[in-house]
Amino acid sequence: MRKEERINNGQFAFHTDVGRVRMSNEDQACALVNAYGTVLLIVCDGMGGQNKGDYASALAVSYIVDEFKKVNRFLTSLHVYYWLNQTCRNANSQIYSESIRNPIYQGMGTTLSIAIIHKKKLFTGQVGDSRIYSLKSKEMVQLTEDQTYVGYLYRTGQISKEEMATHPKRHMLMNALGVYPALNIDIKIKKYENESLLLCSDGLYNNANETTICSVLSNKDTPEEKVNELIAIANNNGGSDNIAVVIWESNYAD
């Protein structure tokens, strides 16, 4: 799936790739802007194996996008917050219910990293270990926290950032969409200052370091070209997992 679109206040591109090792692609990515200029960006990384992970991630993205399209207009920041919170919880319920009804989907789930730009505020929602980064003045900042066992160990000072990359339990998720009846989602709100945004699955950041990613995001290429460059780098470094990348760039960036 590939998309690039130019709008009146920004440009975006997104793409997913199966990588060099996996047989199927369980990643999903999407970006769209409504008639009022509200931006929606999503990355999902499915789990549970072929026909499970891909279905869970596709179901999550499809439901959230459909609900976004139903909203005529977000009136306030509080409206955005409640919509984001409730829509993600409803998506969780849909995936969980499907896994209960149909045995072939038992145990499926997905990560979810979602960003909404509404006027001058940036809303992020995090479930699992896909990531959202911001880039401004060639400085890249991770806006989300990995909801993994090694993420917990790092935040509590038990391991270093370098040890996270090689820890034997680095793939162990502590949270996912659709696995449990109730959802724990980390929602944050900050001022949006026209910074570029990158959403990606672990297939990118496990196969490309932050210095390399920042260099690509900072160059003069189009968002579509940057997405392709990042995926090529991840594949050239082994392509050990599916790769999902979404890039948003404001036309008003410094």
C-alpha atoms as a PDB file:
ATOM      1  CA  MET A   1       0.000   0.000   0.000  1.00  0.00           C
ATOM      2  CA  ARG A   2       1.456   3.349  -0.998  1.00  0.00           C
ATOM      3  CA  LYS A   3       0.117   6.863  -0.800  1.00  0.00           C
ATOM      4  CA  GLU A   4       1.333  10.425  -1.105  1.00  0.00           C
ATOM      5  CA  GLU A   5      -0.853  13.477  -1.086  1.00  0.00           C
ATOM      6  CA  ARG A   6      -0.234  17.219  -1.125  1.00  0.00           C
ATOM      7  CA  ILE A   7      -2.681  19.364   0.823  1.00  0.00           C
ATOM      8  CA  ASN A   8      -2.911  23.027   1.753  1.00  0.00           C
ATOM      9  CA  ASN A   9      -0.941  22.776   5.001  1.00  0.00           C
ATOM     10  CA  GLY A  10       1.278  19.742   4.691  1.00  0.00           C
ATOM     11  CA  GLN A  11       2.400  16.630   2.873  1.00  0.00           C
ATOM     12  CA  PHE A  12       2.373  12.999   3.900  1.00  0.00           C
ATOM     13  CA  ALA A  13       3.389   9.586   2.646  1.00  0.00           C
ATOM     14  CA  PHE A  14       3.041   6.072   4.012  1.00  0.00           C
ATOM     15  CA  HIS A  15       4.019   2.576   2.996  1.00  0.00           C
ATOM     16  CA  THR A  16       4.393  -0.926   4.431  1.00  0.00           C
ATOM     17  CA  ASP A  17       6.817  -3.639   3.376  1.00  0.00           C
ATOM     18  CA  VAL A  18       7.026  -7.340   4.215  1.00  0.00           C
ATOM     19  CA  GLY A  19      10.782  -7.157   4.872  1.00  0.00           C
ATOM     20  CA  ARG A  20      13.322  -9.863   4.076  1.00  0.00           C
ATOM     21  CA  VAL A  21      12.389 -12.582   6.591  1.00  0.00           C
ATOM     22  CA  ARG A  22       8.631 -12.762   7.195  1.00  0.00           C
ATOM     23  CA  MET A  23       6.299 -14.576   4.809  1.00  0.00           C
ATOM     24  CA  SER A  24       3.346 -12.235   5.331  1.00  0.00           C
ATOM     25  CA  ASN A  25       2.863  -8.550   6.084  1.00  0.00           C
ATOM     26  CA  GLU A  26       1.056  -7.884   9.368  1.00  0.00           C
ATOM     27  CA  ASP A  27       1.812  -4.131   9.418  1.00  0.00           C
ATOM     28  CA  GLN A  28      -0.668  -1.423   8.475  1.00  0.00           C
ATOM     29  CA  ALA A  29      -0.135   2.295   7.919  1.00  0.00           C
ATOM     30  CA  CYS A  30      -2.472   5.119   7.033  1.00  0.00           C
ATOM     31  CA  ALA A  31      -2.627   8.909   6.873  1.00  0.00           C
ATOM     32  CA  LEU A  32      -5.433  11.244   5.890  1.00  0.00           C
ATOM     33  CA  VAL A  33      -6.670  14.786   6.416  1.00  0.00           C
ATOM     34  CA  ASN A  34     -10.294  15.861   6.690  1.00  0.00           C
ATOM     35  CA  ALA A  35     -11.922  18.895   5.102  1.00  0.00           C
ATOM     36  CA  TYR A  36     -11.100  21.035   8.157  1.00  0.00           C
ATOM     37  CA  GLY A  37      -7.382  20.237   8.132  1.00  0.00           C
ATOM     38  CA  THR A  38      -7.342  17.744  11.017  1.00  0.00           C
ATOM     39  CA  VAL A  39      -4.612  15.177  10.372  1.00  0.00           C
ATOM     40  CA  LEU A  40      -4.833  11.480  11.294  1.00  0.00           C
ATOM     41  CA  LEU A  41      -1.732   9.243  11.211  1.00  0.00           C
ATOM     42  CA  ILE A  42      -1.700   5.538  12.183  1.00  0.00           C
ATOM     43  CA  VAL A  43       0.720   2.615  12.345  1.00  0.00           C
ATOM     44  CA  CYS A  44      -0.293  -0.884  13.507  1.00  0.00           C
ATOM     45  CA  ASP A  45       1.899  -3.971  13.849  1.00  0.00           C
ATOM     46  CA  GLY A  46      -0.208  -7.126  14.082  1.00  0.00           C
ATOM     47  CA  MET A  47       0.577 -10.084  16.310  1.00  0.00           C
ATOM     48  CA  GLY A  48      -0.626 -13.658  16.527  1.00  0.00           C
ATOM     49  CA  GLY A  49       0.765 -15.089  13.312  1.00  0.00           C
ATOM     50  CA  GLN A  50      -0.347 -15.067   9.704  1.00  0.00           C
ATOM     51  CA  ASN A  51      -4.117 -14.527   9.217  1.00  0.00           C
ATOM     52  CA  LYS A  52      -4.296 -13.258  12.802  1.00  0.00           C
ATOM     53  CA  GLY A  53      -1.902 -10.342  13.061  1.00  0.00           C
ATOM     54  CA  ASP A  54      -2.705  -9.046   9.601  1.00  0.00           C
ATOM     55  CA  TYR A  55      -6.440  -9.214  10.312  1.00  0.00           C
ATOM     56  CA  ALA A  56      -6.108  -7.513  13.699  1.00  0.00           C
ATOM     57  CA  SER A  57      -4.060  -4.609  12.341  1.00  0.00           C
ATOM     58  CA  ALA A  58      -6.322  -4.207   9.290  1.00  0.00           C
ATOM     59  CA  LEU A  59      -9.431  -4.263  11.489  1.00  0.00           C
ATOM     60  CA  ALA A  60      -7.987  -1.600  13.799  1.00  0.00           C
ATOM     61  CA  VAL A  61      -7.004   0.778  11.005  1.00  0.00           C
ATOM     62  CA  SER A  62     -10.236   0.273   9.075  1.00  0.00           C
ATOM     63  CA  TYR A  63     -12.406   0.954  12.116  1.00  0.00           C
ATOM     64  CA  ILE A  64     -10.501   4.060  13.236  1.00  0.00           C
ATOM     65  CA  VAL A  65     -10.394   5.536   9.723  1.00  0.00           C
ATOM     66  CA  ASP A  66     -14.111   4.924   9.207  1.00  0.00           C
ATOM     67  CA  GLU A  67     -14.910   6.628  12.520  1.00  0.00           C
ATOM     68  CA  PHE A  68     -12.650   9.567  11.637  1.00  0.00           C
ATOM     69  CA  LYS A  69     -14.503  10.043   8.366  1.00  0.00           C
ATOM     70  CA  LYS A  70     -17.837  10.116  10.217  1.00  0.00           C
ATOM     71  CA  VAL A  71     -16.814  13.126  12.297  1.00  0.00           C
ATOM     72  CA  ASN A  72     -18.072  16.245  10.575  1.00  0.00           C
ATOM     73  CA  ARG A  73     -15.788  18.509  12.582  1.00  0.00           C
ATOM     74  CA  PHE A  74     -13.872  18.425  15.858  1.00  0.00           C
ATOM     75  CA  LEU A  75     -15.168  21.420  17.792  1.00  0.00           C
ATOM     76  CA  THR A  76     -12.680  21.470  20.678  1.00  0.00           C
ATOM     77  CA  SER A  77      -9.520  19.759  21.909  1.00  0.00           C
ATOM     78  CA  LEU A  78     -11.658  17.962  24.481  1.00  0.00           C
ATOM     79  CA  HIS A  79     -13.755  16.589  21.626  1.00  0.00           C
ATOM     80  CA  VAL A  80     -10.575  15.202  19.980  1.00  0.00           C
ATOM     81  CA  TYR A  81      -9.409  13.638  23.240  1.00  0.00           C
ATOM     82  CA  TYR A  82     -12.695  11.890  23.964  1.00  0.00           C
ATOM     83  CA  TRP A  83     -13.034  10.745  20.346  1.00  0.00           C
ATOM     84  CA  LEU A  84      -9.510   9.307  20.345  1.00  0.00           C
ATOM     85  CA  ASN A  85      -9.964   7.564  23.659  1.00  0.00           C
ATOM     86  CA  GLN A  86     -13.381   6.065  22.862  1.00  0.00           C
ATOM     87  CA  THR A  87     -12.575   5.105  19.269  1.00  0.00           C
ATOM     88  CA  CYS A  88      -9.452   3.188  20.286  1.00  0.00           C
ATOM     89  CA  ARG A  89     -11.385   1.423  23.039  1.00  0.00           C
ATOM     90  CA  ASN A  90     -14.102   0.477  20.559  1.00  0.00           C
ATOM     91  CA  ALA A  91     -11.467  -0.839  18.147  1.00  0.00           C
ATOM     92  CA  ASN A  92     -10.054  -2.930  20.984  1.00  0.00           C
ATOM     93  CA  SER A  93     -13.503  -4.361  21.707  1.00  0.00           C
ATOM     94  CA  GLN A  94     -14.079  -5.212  18.043  1.00  0.00           C
ATOM     95  CA  ILE A  95     -10.812  -7.147  17.765  1.00  0.00           C
ATOM     96  CA  TYR A  96     -11.289  -8.903  21.090  1.00  0.00           C
ATOM     97  CA  SER A  97     -14.880  -9.862  20.272  1.00  0.00           C
ATOM     98  CA  GLU A  98     -13.849 -11.266  16.896  1.00  0.00           C
ATOM     99  CA  SER A  99     -11.157 -13.390  18.533  1.00  0.00           C
ATOM    100  CA  ILE A 100     -13.758 -14.795  20.942  1.00  0.00           C
ATOM    101  CA  ARG A 101     -16.333 -15.501  18.208  1.00  0.00           C
ATOM    102  CA  ASN A 102     -13.957 -17.077  15.713  1.00  0.00           C
ATOM    103  CA  PRO A 103     -11.418 -19.656  16.997  1.00  0.00           C
ATOM    104  CA  ILE A 104      -9.037 -19.117  14.081  1.00  0.00           C
ATOM    105  CA  TYR A 105      -8.450 -15.553  15.323  1.00  0.00           C
ATOM    106  CA  GLN A 106      -7.943 -16.476  18.978  1.00  0.00           C
ATOM    107  CA  GLY A 107      -4.967 -14.621  20.472  1.00  0.00           C
ATOM    108  CA  MET A 108      -4.688 -11.983  17.775  1.00  0.00           C
ATOM    109  CA  GLY A 109      -3.811  -8.394  18.563  1.00  0.00           C
ATOM    110  CA  THR A 110      -1.919  -5.393  17.289  1.00  0.00           C
ATOM    111  CA  THR A 111       0.166  -2.456  18.376  1.00  0.00           C
ATOM    112  CA  LEU A 112      -1.266   0.997  17.737  1.00  0.00           C
ATOM    113  CA  SER A 113       0.544   4.298  17.410  1.00  0.00           C
ATOM    114  CA  ILE A 114      -1.819   7.090  16.438  1.00  0.00           C
ATOM    115  CA  ALA A 115      -1.341  10.836  16.035  1.00  0.00           C
ATOM    116  CA  ILE A 116      -3.920  13.557  15.464  1.00  0.00           C
ATOM    117  CA  ILE A 117      -3.001  17.141  14.616  1.00  0.00           C
ATOM    118  CA  HIS A 118      -5.890  19.476  15.388  1.00  0.00           C
ATOM    119  CA  LYS A 119      -5.243  23.171  15.010  1.00  0.00           C
ATOM    120  CA  LYS A 120      -2.173  23.792  17.191  1.00  0.00           C
ATOM    121  CA  LYS A 121      -2.262  20.646  19.283  1.00  0.00           C
ATOM    122  CA  LEU A 122      -0.779  17.197  18.747  1.00  0.00           C
ATOM    123  CA  PHE A 123      -2.553  14.203  20.285  1.00  0.00           C
ATOM    124  CA  THR A 124      -0.736  10.865  20.462  1.00  0.00           C
ATOM    125  CA  GLY A 125      -2.091   7.487  21.498  1.00  0.00           C
ATOM    126  CA  GLN A 126       0.163   4.538  22.261  1.00  0.00           C
ATOM    127  CA  VAL A 127      -0.474   0.803  22.635  1.00  0.00           C
ATOM    128  CA  GLY A 128       2.532  -1.534  22.287  1.00  0.00           C
ATOM    129  CA  ASP A 129       5.923  -0.827  20.752  1.00  0.00           C
ATOM    130  CA  SER A 130       5.429   0.967  17.460  1.00  0.00           C
ATOM    131  CA  ARG A 131       6.736   4.520  17.759  1.00  0.00           C
ATOM    132  CA  ILE A 132       6.032   8.188  17.064  1.00  0.00           C
ATOM    133  CA  TYR A 133       8.926  10.604  16.574  1.00  0.00           C
ATOM    134  CA  SER A 134       8.976  14.350  16.024  1.00  0.00           C
ATOM    135  CA  LEU A 135      11.640  16.177  14.033  1.00  0.00           C
ATOM    136  CA  LYS A 136      12.371  19.893  14.296  1.00  0.00           C
ATOM    137  CA  SER A 137      15.609  21.735  13.504  1.00  0.00           C
ATOM    138  CA  LYS A 138      17.188  18.356  12.674  1.00  0.00           C
ATOM    139  CA  GLU A 139      16.549  17.091  16.209  1.00  0.00           C
ATOM    140  CA  MET A 140      14.537  13.861  16.509  1.00  0.00           C
ATOM    141  CA  VAL A 141      12.578  13.110  19.681  1.00  0.00           C
ATOM    142  CA  GLN A 142      10.682   9.917  20.510  1.00  0.00           C
ATOM    143  CA  LEU A 143       7.223  10.986  21.695  1.00  0.00           C
ATOM    144  CA  THR A 144       5.978   7.546  22.763  1.00  0.00           C
ATOM    145  CA  GLU A 145       7.235   4.984  25.245  1.00  0.00           C
ATOM    146  CA  ASP A 146       7.661   1.344  24.211  1.00  0.00           C
ATOM    147  CA  GLN A 147       5.185  -0.727  26.193  1.00  0.00           C
ATOM    148  CA  THR A 148       7.507  -3.714  26.373  1.00  0.00           C
ATOM    149  CA  TYR A 149       9.292  -5.613  29.104  1.00  0.00           C
ATOM    150  CA  VAL A 150      12.669  -4.137  28.129  1.00  0.00           C
ATOM    151  CA  GLY A 151      11.070  -0.693  27.973  1.00  0.00           C
ATOM    152  CA  TYR A 152       9.992  -1.175  31.566  1.00  0.00           C
ATOM    153  CA  LEU A 153      13.484  -2.338  32.542  1.00  0.00           C
ATOM    154  CA  TYR A 154      15.022   0.725  30.868  1.00  0.00           C
ATOM    155  CA  ARG A 155      12.612   3.221  32.443  1.00  0.00           C
ATOM    156  CA  THR A 156      13.252   1.729  35.900  1.00  0.00           C
ATOM    157  CA  GLY A 157      17.022   1.935  35.431  1.00  0.00           C
ATOM    158  CA  GLN A 158      17.663  -1.806  35.318  1.00  0.00           C
ATOM    159  CA  ILE A 159      19.241  -1.837  31.835  1.00  0.00           C
ATOM    160  CA  SER A 160      20.840   0.744  29.537  1.00  0.00           C
ATOM    161  CA  LYS A 161      19.429   1.976  26.235  1.00  0.00           C
ATOM    162  CA  GLU A 162      22.131   0.005  24.414  1.00  0.00           C
ATOM    163  CA  GLU A 163      21.175  -3.208  26.239  1.00  0.00           C
ATOM    164  CA  MET A 164      17.577  -2.871  25.081  1.00  0.00           C
ATOM    165  CA  ALA A 165      18.569  -3.745  21.506  1.00  0.00           C
ATOM    166  CA  THR A 166      20.050  -7.131  22.426  1.00  0.00           C
ATOM    167  CA  HIS A 167      18.001  -8.184  25.446  1.00  0.00           C
ATOM    168  CA  PRO A 168      16.567 -11.723  24.972  1.00  0.00           C
ATOM    169  CA  LYS A 169      13.071 -10.505  25.930  1.00  0.00           C
ATOM    170  CA  ARG A 170      13.124  -7.347  23.797  1.00  0.00           C
ATOM    171  CA  HIS A 171      10.097  -8.490  21.762  1.00  0.00           C
ATOM    172  CA  MET A 172       7.870  -9.141  24.791  1.00  0.00           C
ATOM    173  CA  LEU A 173       4.914  -6.734  24.691  1.00  0.00           C
ATOM    174  CA  MET A 174       3.231  -5.574  27.892  1.00  0.00           C
ATOM    175  CA  ASN A 175       0.248  -4.073  26.068  1.00  0.00           C
ATOM    176  CA  ALA A 176      -1.594  -4.663  22.777  1.00  0.00           C
ATOM    177  CA  LEU A 177      -4.874  -3.765  21.132  1.00  0.00           C
ATOM    178  CA  GLY A 178      -7.502  -6.524  21.116  1.00  0.00           C
ATOM    179  CA  VAL A 179      -5.849  -8.975  23.505  1.00  0.00           C
ATOM    180  CA  TYR A 180      -7.876  -8.062  26.589  1.00  0.00           C
ATOM    181  CA  PRO A 181     -11.506  -6.923  27.025  1.00  0.00           C
ATOM    182  CA  ALA A 182     -10.394  -3.547  28.404  1.00  0.00           C
ATOM    183  CA  LEU A 183      -7.757  -1.286  26.861  1.00  0.00           C
ATOM    184  CA  ASN A 184      -4.959   0.613  28.526  1.00  0.00           C
ATOM    185  CA  ILE A 185      -3.957   3.409  26.136  1.00  0.00           C
ATOM    186  CA  ASP A 186      -1.405   6.141  26.807  1.00  0.00           C
ATOM    187  CA  ILE A 187      -2.762   9.424  25.406  1.00  0.00           C
ATOM    188  CA  LYS A 188      -0.666  12.581  25.456  1.00  0.00           C
ATOM    189  CA  ILE A 189      -1.360  16.144  24.294  1.00  0.00           C
ATOM    190  CA  LYS A 190       1.255  18.748  23.429  1.00  0.00           C
ATOM    191  CA  LYS A 191       1.529  21.980  21.504  1.00  0.00           C
ATOM    192  CA  TYR A 192       2.061  21.397  17.804  1.00  0.00           C
ATOM    193  CA  GLU A 193       4.772  23.645  16.360  1.00  0.00           C
ATOM    194  CA  ASN A 194       4.806  22.476  12.723  1.00  0.00           C
ATOM    195  CA  GLU A 195       7.370  19.751  13.392  1.00  0.00           C
ATOM    196  CA  SER A 196       7.626  16.753  11.081  1.00  0.00           C
ATOM    197  CA  LEU A 197       6.290  13.450  12.397  1.00  0.00           C
ATOM    198  CA  LEU A 198       7.388   9.863  11.835  1.00  0.00           C
ATOM    199  CA  LEU A 199       5.299   6.872  12.842  1.00  0.00           C
ATOM    200  CA  CYS A 200       6.902   3.453  12.407  1.00  0.00           C
ATOM    201  CA  SER A 201       6.784  -0.169  13.484  1.00  0.00           C
ATOM    202  CA  ASP A 202       9.723  -1.919  15.128  1.00  0.00           C
ATOM    203  CA  GLY A 203      10.691  -3.303  11.735  1.00  0.00           C
ATOM    204  CA  LEU A 204      12.181   0.126  11.012  1.00  0.00           C
ATOM    205  CA  TYR A 205      13.844   1.151  14.256  1.00  0.00           C
ATOM    206  CA  ASN A 206      15.271  -2.335  14.922  1.00  0.00           C
ATOM    207  CA  ASN A 207      17.002  -2.241  11.535  1.00  0.00           C
ATOM    208  CA  ALA A 208      18.016   1.428  11.355  1.00  0.00           C
ATOM    209  CA  ASN A 209      19.511   3.531  14.141  1.00  0.00           C
ATOM    210  CA  GLU A 210      18.115   6.923  15.128  1.00  0.00           C
ATOM    211  CA  THR A 211      21.065   8.811  13.634  1.00  0.00           C
ATOM    212  CA  THR A 212      20.381   7.277  10.226  1.00  0.00           C
ATOM    213  CA  ILE A 213      16.636   7.831  10.472  1.00  0.00           C
ATOM    214  CA  CYS A 214      17.153  11.466  11.499  1.00  0.00           C
ATOM    215  CA  SER A 215      19.509  12.014   8.557  1.00  0.00           C
ATOM    216  CA  VAL A 216      16.887  10.759   6.104  1.00  0.00           C
ATOM    217  CA  LEU A 217      14.097  12.801   7.671  1.00  0.00           C
ATOM    218  CA  SER A 218      16.266  15.936   7.533  1.00  0.00           C
ATOM    219  CA  ASN A 219      17.148  15.755   3.846  1.00  0.00           C
ATOM    220  CA  LYS A 220      15.396  17.651   1.048  1.00  0.00           C
ATOM    221  CA  ASP A 221      13.609  14.669  -0.520  1.00  0.00           C
ATOM    222  CA  THR A 222       9.839  14.373  -0.702  1.00  0.00           C
ATOM    223  CA  PRO A 223       7.974  12.425   2.014  1.00  0.00           C
ATOM    224  CA  GLU A 224       7.431   9.594  -0.491  1.00  0.00           C
ATOM    225  CA  GLU A 225      11.148   9.412  -1.253  1.00  0.00           C
ATOM    226  CA  LYS A 226      12.012   9.460   2.446  1.00  0.00           C
ATOM    227  CA  VAL A 227       9.585   6.618   3.184  1.00  0.00           C
ATOM    228  CA  ASN A 228      11.172   4.534   0.431  1.00  0.00           C
ATOM    229  CA  GLU A 229      14.688   5.377   1.649  1.00  0.00           C
ATOM    230  CA  LEU A 230      13.914   4.298   5.212  1.00  0.00           C
ATOM    231  CA  ILE A 231      12.386   1.012   4.086  1.00  0.00           C
ATOM    232  CA  ALA A 232      15.359   0.323   1.806  1.00  0.00           C
ATOM    233  CA  ILE A 233      17.782   0.967   4.687  1.00  0.00           C
ATOM    234  CA  ALA A 234      15.852  -1.368   7.000  1.00  0.00           C
ATOM    235  CA  ASN A 235      15.846  -4.097   4.348  1.00  0.00           C
ATOM    236  CA  ASN A 236      19.521  -3.606   3.566  1.00  0.00           C
ATOM    237  CA  ASN A 237      20.238  -4.071   7.272  1.00  0.00           C
ATOM    238  CA  GLY A 238      18.478  -7.422   7.332  1.00  0.00           C
ATOM    239  CA  GLY A 239      14.770  -6.643   6.991  1.00  0.00           C
ATOM    240  CA  SER A 240      14.125  -8.829  10.046  1.00  0.00           C
ATOM    241  CA  ASP A 241      10.459  -7.846  10.337  1.00  0.00           C
ATOM    242  CA  ASN A 242       7.606  -6.158   8.495  1.00  0.00           C
ATOM    243  CA  ILE A 243       8.159  -2.423   8.117  1.00  0.00           C
ATOM    244  CA  ALA A 244       5.561   0.353   8.380  1.00  0.00           C
ATOM    245  CA  VAL A 245       6.413   4.037   7.916  1.00  0.00           C
ATOM    246  CA  VAL A 246       4.270   7.191   7.960  1.00  0.00           C
ATOM    247  CA  ILE A 247       5.775  10.656   7.448  1.00  0.00           C
ATOM    248  CA  TRP A 248       4.006  13.987   7.897  1.00  0.00           C
ATOM    249  CA  GLU A 249       5.639  17.310   7.008  1.00  0.00           C
ATOM    250  CA  SER A 250       4.023  20.694   7.595  1.00  0.00           C
ATOM    251  CA  ASN A 251       4.218  23.292   4.849  1.00  0.00           C
ATOM    252  CA  TYR A 252       4.860  25.837   7.610  1.00  0.00           C
ATOM    253  CA  ALA A 253       7.907  24.112   9.108  1.00  0.00           C
ATOM    254  CA  ASP A 254      10.944  26.248   9.855  1.00  0.00           C
END
